[in-house]
N, C-alpha and C. Protein backbone atom coordinates (compact mmCIF):
# COMPACT_ATOMS: atom_id res chain seq x y z
N MET A 1 0.83 -1.20 0.00
CA MET A 1 0.00 0.00 0.00
C MET A 1 0.87 1.26 0.00
N ASN A 2 2.01 1.21 0.73
CA ASN A 2 2.88 2.39 0.78
C ASN A 2 3.42 2.75 -0.58
N ARG A 3 3.69 1.78 -1.47
CA ARG A 3 4.20 2.07 -2.81
C ARG A 3 3.09 2.55 -3.73
N LEU A 4 1.89 2.09 -3.51
CA LEU A 4 0.76 2.46 -4.35
C LEU A 4 0.29 3.88 -4.08
N PHE A 5 0.39 4.33 -2.85
CA PHE A 5 -0.11 5.65 -2.47
C PHE A 5 0.52 6.78 -3.29
N PRO A 6 1.88 6.84 -3.45
CA PRO A 6 2.45 7.94 -4.25
C PRO A 6 1.97 7.91 -5.70
N VAL A 7 1.79 6.70 -6.24
CA VAL A 7 1.31 6.60 -7.62
C VAL A 7 -0.11 7.15 -7.73
N LEU A 8 -0.98 6.77 -6.78
CA LEU A 8 -2.35 7.27 -6.80
C LEU A 8 -2.39 8.78 -6.64
N VAL A 9 -1.55 9.32 -5.77
CA VAL A 9 -1.50 10.77 -5.59
C VAL A 9 -1.03 11.44 -6.88
N ALA A 10 0.02 10.90 -7.50
CA ALA A 10 0.55 11.50 -8.73
C ALA A 10 -0.48 11.47 -9.85
N VAL A 11 -1.16 10.35 -10.02
CA VAL A 11 -2.16 10.25 -11.07
C VAL A 11 -3.34 11.17 -10.76
N SER A 12 -3.73 11.28 -9.50
CA SER A 12 -4.81 12.19 -9.12
C SER A 12 -4.45 13.63 -9.44
N LEU A 13 -3.21 14.01 -9.10
CA LEU A 13 -2.77 15.37 -9.41
C LEU A 13 -2.74 15.61 -10.91
N ALA A 14 -2.29 14.62 -11.65
CA ALA A 14 -2.25 14.75 -13.10
C ALA A 14 -3.65 14.91 -13.67
N THR A 15 -4.60 14.17 -13.13
CA THR A 15 -5.99 14.28 -13.59
C THR A 15 -6.55 15.65 -13.28
N VAL A 16 -6.25 16.18 -12.10
CA VAL A 16 -6.71 17.52 -11.75
C VAL A 16 -6.12 18.54 -12.72
N ALA A 17 -4.86 18.35 -13.10
CA ALA A 17 -4.22 19.28 -14.04
C ALA A 17 -4.93 19.27 -15.39
N CYS A 18 -5.57 18.16 -15.72
CA CYS A 18 -6.24 18.03 -17.02
C CYS A 18 -7.64 18.62 -17.04
N THR A 19 -8.27 18.86 -15.92
CA THR A 19 -9.69 19.19 -15.89
C THR A 19 -10.01 20.53 -16.53
N ASP A 20 -9.06 21.44 -16.64
CA ASP A 20 -9.34 22.73 -17.25
C ASP A 20 -9.20 22.71 -18.76
N ARG A 21 -8.79 21.58 -19.32
CA ARG A 21 -8.56 21.49 -20.75
C ARG A 21 -9.58 20.57 -21.37
N ALA A 22 -10.34 21.05 -22.30
CA ALA A 22 -11.37 20.21 -22.94
C ALA A 22 -11.22 20.24 -24.45
N ASP A 23 -9.97 20.15 -24.93
CA ASP A 23 -9.77 20.26 -26.37
C ASP A 23 -9.15 19.03 -26.99
N GLY A 24 -8.93 17.95 -26.26
CA GLY A 24 -8.30 16.76 -26.80
C GLY A 24 -9.30 15.67 -27.06
N PRO A 25 -8.86 14.60 -27.74
CA PRO A 25 -9.76 13.50 -28.09
C PRO A 25 -10.47 12.90 -26.89
N ALA A 26 -9.76 12.64 -25.80
CA ALA A 26 -10.40 12.04 -24.63
C ALA A 26 -11.34 13.02 -23.95
N ALA A 27 -11.09 14.31 -24.14
CA ALA A 27 -11.89 15.32 -23.46
C ALA A 27 -13.01 15.87 -24.34
N ALA A 28 -13.13 15.37 -25.56
CA ALA A 28 -14.07 15.95 -26.51
C ALA A 28 -15.50 16.00 -25.99
N ALA A 29 -15.91 14.99 -25.23
CA ALA A 29 -17.29 14.96 -24.76
C ALA A 29 -17.48 15.75 -23.46
N ASN A 30 -16.40 16.21 -22.88
CA ASN A 30 -16.49 16.94 -21.62
C ASN A 30 -16.81 18.41 -21.84
N GLU A 31 -17.55 18.99 -20.92
CA GLU A 31 -17.79 20.42 -20.93
C GLU A 31 -16.75 21.07 -20.05
N VAL A 32 -16.49 22.35 -20.28
CA VAL A 32 -15.53 23.07 -19.46
C VAL A 32 -15.95 22.97 -17.99
N GLY A 33 -14.99 22.66 -17.14
CA GLY A 33 -15.26 22.56 -15.71
C GLY A 33 -15.69 21.19 -15.24
N THR A 34 -15.86 20.24 -16.15
CA THR A 34 -16.21 18.88 -15.73
C THR A 34 -14.93 18.05 -15.71
N PRO A 35 -14.86 17.08 -14.82
CA PRO A 35 -13.64 16.29 -14.72
C PRO A 35 -13.44 15.37 -15.92
N LEU A 36 -12.19 15.10 -16.21
CA LEU A 36 -11.83 14.12 -17.23
C LEU A 36 -11.53 12.82 -16.50
N MET A 37 -12.29 11.79 -16.79
CA MET A 37 -12.09 10.49 -16.16
C MET A 37 -12.07 9.43 -17.25
N VAL A 38 -10.92 8.78 -17.40
CA VAL A 38 -10.75 7.76 -18.43
C VAL A 38 -10.09 6.55 -17.81
N SER A 39 -10.70 5.39 -17.96
CA SER A 39 -10.12 4.15 -17.48
C SER A 39 -8.93 3.79 -18.37
N PHE A 40 -7.90 3.23 -17.76
CA PHE A 40 -6.72 2.82 -18.52
C PHE A 40 -7.11 1.88 -19.67
N THR A 41 -8.08 1.02 -19.43
CA THR A 41 -8.51 0.06 -20.46
C THR A 41 -9.24 0.73 -21.62
N ASP A 42 -9.72 1.97 -21.42
CA ASP A 42 -10.44 2.69 -22.47
C ASP A 42 -9.56 3.65 -23.26
N LEU A 43 -8.28 3.75 -22.92
CA LEU A 43 -7.39 4.65 -23.64
C LEU A 43 -7.23 4.20 -25.09
N LYS A 44 -7.12 5.15 -25.99
CA LYS A 44 -6.94 4.87 -27.42
C LYS A 44 -5.46 5.06 -27.75
N TRP A 45 -4.75 3.94 -27.96
CA TRP A 45 -3.31 3.96 -28.15
C TRP A 45 -2.94 4.17 -29.61
N THR A 46 -1.88 4.97 -29.82
CA THR A 46 -1.35 5.27 -31.14
C THR A 46 0.16 5.04 -31.11
N ALA A 47 0.70 4.45 -32.17
CA ALA A 47 2.15 4.26 -32.25
C ALA A 47 2.84 5.61 -32.36
N LEU A 48 3.96 5.77 -31.66
CA LEU A 48 4.75 6.99 -31.73
C LEU A 48 5.66 6.86 -32.95
N PRO A 49 5.42 7.65 -34.00
CA PRO A 49 6.17 7.46 -35.25
C PRO A 49 7.68 7.67 -35.10
N GLU A 50 8.09 8.52 -34.18
CA GLU A 50 9.52 8.82 -34.02
C GLU A 50 10.29 7.67 -33.36
N ARG A 51 9.61 6.81 -32.61
CA ARG A 51 10.29 5.77 -31.83
C ARG A 51 9.51 4.46 -31.92
N LYS A 52 10.04 3.51 -32.65
CA LYS A 52 9.40 2.20 -32.86
C LYS A 52 9.09 1.51 -31.53
N GLY A 53 7.88 0.99 -31.41
CA GLY A 53 7.44 0.24 -30.24
C GLY A 53 6.77 1.09 -29.17
N MET A 54 7.01 2.39 -29.18
CA MET A 54 6.40 3.26 -28.17
C MET A 54 4.99 3.63 -28.60
N GLN A 55 4.12 3.87 -27.60
CA GLN A 55 2.74 4.25 -27.86
C GLN A 55 2.34 5.40 -26.96
N PHE A 56 1.32 6.14 -27.39
CA PHE A 56 0.78 7.21 -26.56
C PHE A 56 -0.73 7.24 -26.70
N ALA A 57 -1.38 7.75 -25.67
CA ALA A 57 -2.83 7.95 -25.67
C ALA A 57 -3.07 9.38 -25.22
N VAL A 58 -3.54 10.21 -26.13
CA VAL A 58 -3.75 11.63 -25.82
C VAL A 58 -4.94 11.79 -24.88
N LEU A 59 -4.74 12.60 -23.85
CA LEU A 59 -5.81 12.94 -22.93
C LEU A 59 -6.40 14.30 -23.30
N THR A 60 -5.53 15.28 -23.50
CA THR A 60 -5.97 16.63 -23.88
C THR A 60 -4.97 17.23 -24.86
N GLY A 61 -5.42 18.20 -25.62
CA GLY A 61 -4.54 18.90 -26.55
C GLY A 61 -4.14 18.03 -27.72
N ASP A 62 -3.02 18.42 -28.36
CA ASP A 62 -2.51 17.71 -29.52
C ASP A 62 -0.99 17.80 -29.53
N PRO A 63 -0.29 16.68 -29.26
CA PRO A 63 1.17 16.73 -29.21
C PRO A 63 1.82 17.04 -30.56
N LYS A 64 1.05 16.99 -31.65
CA LYS A 64 1.59 17.32 -32.96
C LYS A 64 1.63 18.83 -33.21
N THR A 65 0.84 19.58 -32.42
CA THR A 65 0.74 21.01 -32.70
C THR A 65 1.02 21.92 -31.51
N GLY A 66 0.90 21.43 -30.28
CA GLY A 66 1.10 22.31 -29.13
C GLY A 66 0.87 21.61 -27.82
N GLU A 67 0.42 22.35 -26.84
CA GLU A 67 0.23 21.87 -25.47
C GLU A 67 -0.62 20.60 -25.44
N TYR A 68 -0.24 19.66 -24.55
CA TYR A 68 -0.94 18.37 -24.50
C TYR A 68 -0.71 17.68 -23.17
N THR A 69 -1.54 16.67 -22.89
CA THR A 69 -1.31 15.69 -21.85
C THR A 69 -1.57 14.33 -22.47
N GLN A 70 -0.80 13.32 -22.02
CA GLN A 70 -0.96 11.99 -22.59
C GLN A 70 -0.41 10.94 -21.63
N ILE A 71 -0.77 9.69 -21.89
CA ILE A 71 -0.17 8.54 -21.23
C ILE A 71 0.74 7.90 -22.26
N ARG A 72 1.95 7.53 -21.83
CA ARG A 72 2.93 6.91 -22.74
C ARG A 72 3.22 5.48 -22.28
N LYS A 73 3.42 4.59 -23.26
CA LYS A 73 3.86 3.22 -23.00
C LYS A 73 5.16 3.00 -23.76
N VAL A 74 6.17 2.47 -23.04
CA VAL A 74 7.48 2.24 -23.64
C VAL A 74 7.90 0.81 -23.32
N PRO A 75 8.27 0.02 -24.33
CA PRO A 75 8.65 -1.37 -24.06
C PRO A 75 9.89 -1.47 -23.16
N ALA A 76 9.89 -2.48 -22.30
CA ALA A 76 11.06 -2.76 -21.45
C ALA A 76 12.28 -2.94 -22.34
N GLY A 77 13.42 -2.43 -21.88
CA GLY A 77 14.67 -2.57 -22.62
C GLY A 77 14.88 -1.53 -23.70
N THR A 78 14.00 -0.53 -23.79
CA THR A 78 14.14 0.53 -24.79
C THR A 78 15.23 1.52 -24.37
N ASP A 79 16.11 1.85 -25.29
CA ASP A 79 17.15 2.86 -25.06
C ASP A 79 17.01 3.97 -26.09
N ASN A 80 16.89 5.20 -25.62
CA ASN A 80 16.82 6.37 -26.51
C ASN A 80 18.18 7.06 -26.49
N PRO A 81 18.83 7.22 -27.64
CA PRO A 81 20.13 7.88 -27.67
C PRO A 81 19.99 9.36 -27.34
N LEU A 82 21.12 10.07 -27.29
CA LEU A 82 21.08 11.51 -27.02
C LEU A 82 20.06 12.19 -27.91
N HIS A 83 19.23 13.03 -27.26
CA HIS A 83 18.19 13.76 -27.98
C HIS A 83 17.68 14.91 -27.12
N SER A 84 16.86 15.75 -27.72
CA SER A 84 16.14 16.78 -26.97
C SER A 84 14.70 16.74 -27.44
N HIS A 85 13.88 17.55 -26.79
CA HIS A 85 12.47 17.65 -27.19
C HIS A 85 12.16 19.07 -27.65
N GLY A 86 13.16 19.75 -28.20
CA GLY A 86 12.94 21.08 -28.74
C GLY A 86 12.51 22.07 -27.67
N SER A 87 11.58 22.92 -28.04
CA SER A 87 11.18 24.03 -27.18
C SER A 87 10.11 23.67 -26.14
N SER A 88 9.74 22.40 -26.06
CA SER A 88 8.70 21.99 -25.11
C SER A 88 9.32 21.50 -23.80
N GLU A 89 8.82 22.02 -22.68
CA GLU A 89 9.17 21.49 -21.37
C GLU A 89 8.27 20.30 -21.12
N LEU A 90 8.84 19.20 -20.60
CA LEU A 90 8.07 17.99 -20.34
C LEU A 90 8.02 17.69 -18.86
N LYS A 91 6.85 17.26 -18.41
CA LYS A 91 6.65 16.82 -17.03
C LYS A 91 6.11 15.40 -17.10
N ASN A 92 6.78 14.47 -16.40
CA ASN A 92 6.42 13.07 -16.43
C ASN A 92 6.17 12.55 -15.02
N VAL A 93 5.16 11.69 -14.88
CA VAL A 93 4.90 10.98 -13.64
C VAL A 93 4.93 9.49 -13.99
N ILE A 94 5.89 8.78 -13.42
CA ILE A 94 6.06 7.37 -13.73
C ILE A 94 4.97 6.56 -13.00
N ILE A 95 4.27 5.73 -13.76
CA ILE A 95 3.19 4.91 -13.21
C ILE A 95 3.67 3.47 -12.98
N SER A 96 4.40 2.92 -13.95
CA SER A 96 4.94 1.56 -13.79
C SER A 96 6.24 1.43 -14.57
N GLY A 97 7.03 0.43 -14.20
CA GLY A 97 8.33 0.22 -14.81
C GLY A 97 9.38 1.13 -14.18
N VAL A 98 10.60 1.04 -14.71
CA VAL A 98 11.69 1.89 -14.25
C VAL A 98 12.22 2.67 -15.45
N TRP A 99 11.93 3.97 -15.45
CA TRP A 99 12.36 4.90 -16.49
C TRP A 99 13.72 5.47 -16.07
N TYR A 100 14.62 5.63 -17.02
CA TYR A 100 15.89 6.27 -16.70
C TYR A 100 16.10 7.48 -17.60
N THR A 101 16.82 8.47 -17.09
CA THR A 101 17.17 9.63 -17.90
C THR A 101 18.35 10.35 -17.25
N GLY A 102 19.13 11.03 -18.08
CA GLY A 102 20.27 11.80 -17.61
C GLY A 102 20.99 12.44 -18.78
N SER A 103 21.95 13.27 -18.48
CA SER A 103 22.71 13.97 -19.53
C SER A 103 23.50 13.01 -20.41
N ASP A 104 23.83 11.85 -19.87
CA ASP A 104 24.49 10.79 -20.63
C ASP A 104 24.22 9.47 -19.91
N SER A 105 24.63 8.37 -20.51
CA SER A 105 24.35 7.05 -19.92
C SER A 105 24.97 6.88 -18.54
N ALA A 106 26.17 7.44 -18.34
CA ALA A 106 26.86 7.28 -17.06
C ALA A 106 26.15 8.00 -15.92
N SER A 107 25.50 9.13 -16.22
CA SER A 107 24.86 9.92 -15.16
C SER A 107 23.35 9.69 -15.06
N ALA A 108 22.81 8.83 -15.91
CA ALA A 108 21.36 8.62 -15.92
C ALA A 108 20.89 8.00 -14.61
N GLY A 109 19.79 8.54 -14.07
CA GLY A 109 19.18 8.02 -12.85
C GLY A 109 17.97 7.18 -13.18
N ASP A 110 17.64 6.26 -12.27
CA ASP A 110 16.47 5.40 -12.42
C ASP A 110 15.30 5.99 -11.64
N PHE A 111 14.11 5.95 -12.25
CA PHE A 111 12.91 6.52 -11.64
C PHE A 111 11.77 5.53 -11.76
N GLY A 112 11.33 5.02 -10.60
CA GLY A 112 10.26 4.03 -10.55
C GLY A 112 8.90 4.66 -10.33
N PRO A 113 7.89 3.84 -10.10
CA PRO A 113 6.52 4.32 -9.91
C PRO A 113 6.42 5.42 -8.85
N GLY A 114 5.69 6.47 -9.19
CA GLY A 114 5.51 7.61 -8.29
C GLY A 114 6.54 8.71 -8.49
N SER A 115 7.59 8.44 -9.26
CA SER A 115 8.64 9.44 -9.50
C SER A 115 8.15 10.52 -10.44
N ILE A 116 8.69 11.72 -10.24
CA ILE A 116 8.39 12.87 -11.08
C ILE A 116 9.67 13.23 -11.83
N VAL A 117 9.58 13.40 -13.14
CA VAL A 117 10.73 13.81 -13.96
C VAL A 117 10.29 15.01 -14.78
N MET A 118 10.90 16.17 -14.50
CA MET A 118 10.58 17.40 -15.23
C MET A 118 11.82 17.79 -16.04
N MET A 119 11.63 17.95 -17.35
CA MET A 119 12.75 18.23 -18.24
C MET A 119 12.57 19.60 -18.89
N PRO A 120 13.57 20.47 -18.77
CA PRO A 120 13.46 21.78 -19.40
C PRO A 120 13.54 21.67 -20.92
N ALA A 121 13.04 22.66 -21.61
CA ALA A 121 13.11 22.71 -23.07
C ALA A 121 14.57 22.63 -23.51
N ASN A 122 14.79 21.99 -24.63
CA ASN A 122 16.11 21.88 -25.28
C ASN A 122 17.16 21.12 -24.46
N TRP A 123 16.76 20.41 -23.41
CA TRP A 123 17.72 19.64 -22.61
C TRP A 123 18.15 18.41 -23.39
N VAL A 124 19.45 18.26 -23.62
CA VAL A 124 19.99 17.10 -24.32
C VAL A 124 20.21 15.99 -23.29
N HIS A 125 19.65 14.81 -23.57
CA HIS A 125 19.69 13.72 -22.61
C HIS A 125 19.51 12.37 -23.28
N VAL A 126 19.78 11.32 -22.52
CA VAL A 126 19.42 9.96 -22.91
C VAL A 126 18.24 9.56 -22.04
N SER A 127 17.49 8.56 -22.46
CA SER A 127 16.38 8.06 -21.66
C SER A 127 16.01 6.67 -22.13
N GLY A 128 15.17 6.02 -21.35
CA GLY A 128 14.69 4.71 -21.75
C GLY A 128 14.00 4.00 -20.62
N CYS A 129 13.62 2.77 -20.90
CA CYS A 129 12.92 1.92 -19.94
C CYS A 129 13.80 0.71 -19.64
N ARG A 130 14.11 0.52 -18.38
CA ARG A 130 14.96 -0.61 -17.98
C ARG A 130 14.28 -1.94 -18.31
N ALA A 131 15.09 -2.95 -18.52
CA ALA A 131 14.58 -4.30 -18.79
C ALA A 131 13.78 -4.80 -17.60
N GLY A 132 12.84 -5.68 -17.85
CA GLY A 132 12.08 -6.30 -16.78
C GLY A 132 10.61 -5.97 -16.79
N SER A 133 10.25 -4.74 -17.16
CA SER A 133 8.84 -4.34 -17.17
C SER A 133 8.67 -3.13 -18.06
N ASP A 134 7.62 -3.14 -18.87
CA ASP A 134 7.32 -1.96 -19.70
C ASP A 134 7.11 -0.74 -18.81
N CYS A 135 7.39 0.43 -19.34
CA CYS A 135 7.18 1.67 -18.62
C CYS A 135 5.90 2.33 -19.08
N VAL A 136 5.13 2.83 -18.13
CA VAL A 136 3.92 3.61 -18.41
C VAL A 136 4.06 4.88 -17.60
N PHE A 137 3.81 6.02 -18.23
CA PHE A 137 3.88 7.28 -17.50
C PHE A 137 2.95 8.32 -18.09
N TYR A 138 2.53 9.23 -17.22
CA TYR A 138 1.75 10.40 -17.60
C TYR A 138 2.75 11.45 -18.07
N GLN A 139 2.43 12.14 -19.17
CA GLN A 139 3.31 13.19 -19.68
C GLN A 139 2.51 14.43 -20.03
N GLU A 140 3.06 15.56 -19.65
CA GLU A 140 2.47 16.86 -19.96
C GLU A 140 3.53 17.68 -20.68
N GLY A 141 3.17 18.23 -21.83
CA GLY A 141 4.09 19.08 -22.59
C GLY A 141 3.47 20.44 -22.81
N ASN A 142 4.29 21.49 -22.70
CA ASN A 142 3.76 22.84 -22.90
C ASN A 142 3.95 23.32 -24.33
N GLY A 143 4.28 22.40 -25.23
CA GLY A 143 4.42 22.70 -26.65
C GLY A 143 4.40 21.41 -27.43
N LYS A 144 4.61 21.51 -28.72
CA LYS A 144 4.62 20.37 -29.64
C LYS A 144 5.64 19.33 -29.19
N PHE A 145 5.27 18.02 -29.25
CA PHE A 145 6.22 16.97 -28.93
C PHE A 145 7.17 16.78 -30.10
N GLU A 146 8.46 16.78 -29.78
CA GLU A 146 9.48 16.53 -30.80
C GLU A 146 10.51 15.57 -30.21
N PHE A 147 11.04 14.70 -31.03
CA PHE A 147 12.17 13.85 -30.68
C PHE A 147 13.27 14.22 -31.64
N LEU A 148 14.27 14.96 -31.14
CA LEU A 148 15.33 15.50 -31.98
C LEU A 148 16.67 14.86 -31.62
N PRO A 149 17.12 13.86 -32.40
CA PRO A 149 18.41 13.22 -32.12
C PRO A 149 19.55 14.24 -32.15
N VAL A 150 20.52 14.03 -31.26
CA VAL A 150 21.68 14.92 -31.16
C VAL A 150 22.94 14.07 -31.19
N GLU A 151 23.89 14.46 -32.02
CA GLU A 151 25.17 13.76 -32.05
C GLU A 151 25.94 14.11 -30.77
N ALA A 152 26.71 13.17 -30.24
CA ALA A 152 27.50 13.41 -29.03
C ALA A 152 28.37 14.64 -29.22
N GLY A 153 28.36 15.53 -28.24
CA GLY A 153 29.17 16.74 -28.29
C GLY A 153 28.53 17.93 -28.98
N GLN A 154 27.32 17.74 -29.53
CA GLN A 154 26.62 18.83 -30.20
C GLN A 154 25.38 19.23 -29.41
N GLN A 155 24.99 20.47 -29.53
CA GLN A 155 23.75 20.96 -28.92
C GLN A 155 22.72 21.14 -30.03
N PRO A 156 21.44 21.07 -29.70
CA PRO A 156 20.41 21.21 -30.75
C PRO A 156 20.37 22.60 -31.33
């Protein structure tokens, strides 16, 4: 129960953050000021074209054009090379699995369920999902989602 509580709090806070936005596919039937409530089993998953095997389910907004919230699924054992997300700041709440991220592989930290990972715009980093269990996390972006590969030693 002690491990589940932080996850429930994080997801509850994420849901509250979504209630003021009624412009995404999951929120289309909601009126302004009504809560957004979607069961995990009812999420509509889409393949992430930039990264094979990854999926996302939009809650609000549109990650192709601007501000959004979504749930992401990443297969266990996925490694993302150095990259940035352009001008969008990302906020992530890990729901399951062990997500890692850092400025490089040597400095990358592991973040399990209930962890919060906030990434500034244009931050060059590595990331991925450790082997053993797929990663699921809530993600909020304040701009268009981009995956911009970066060669070692270069900035975007």
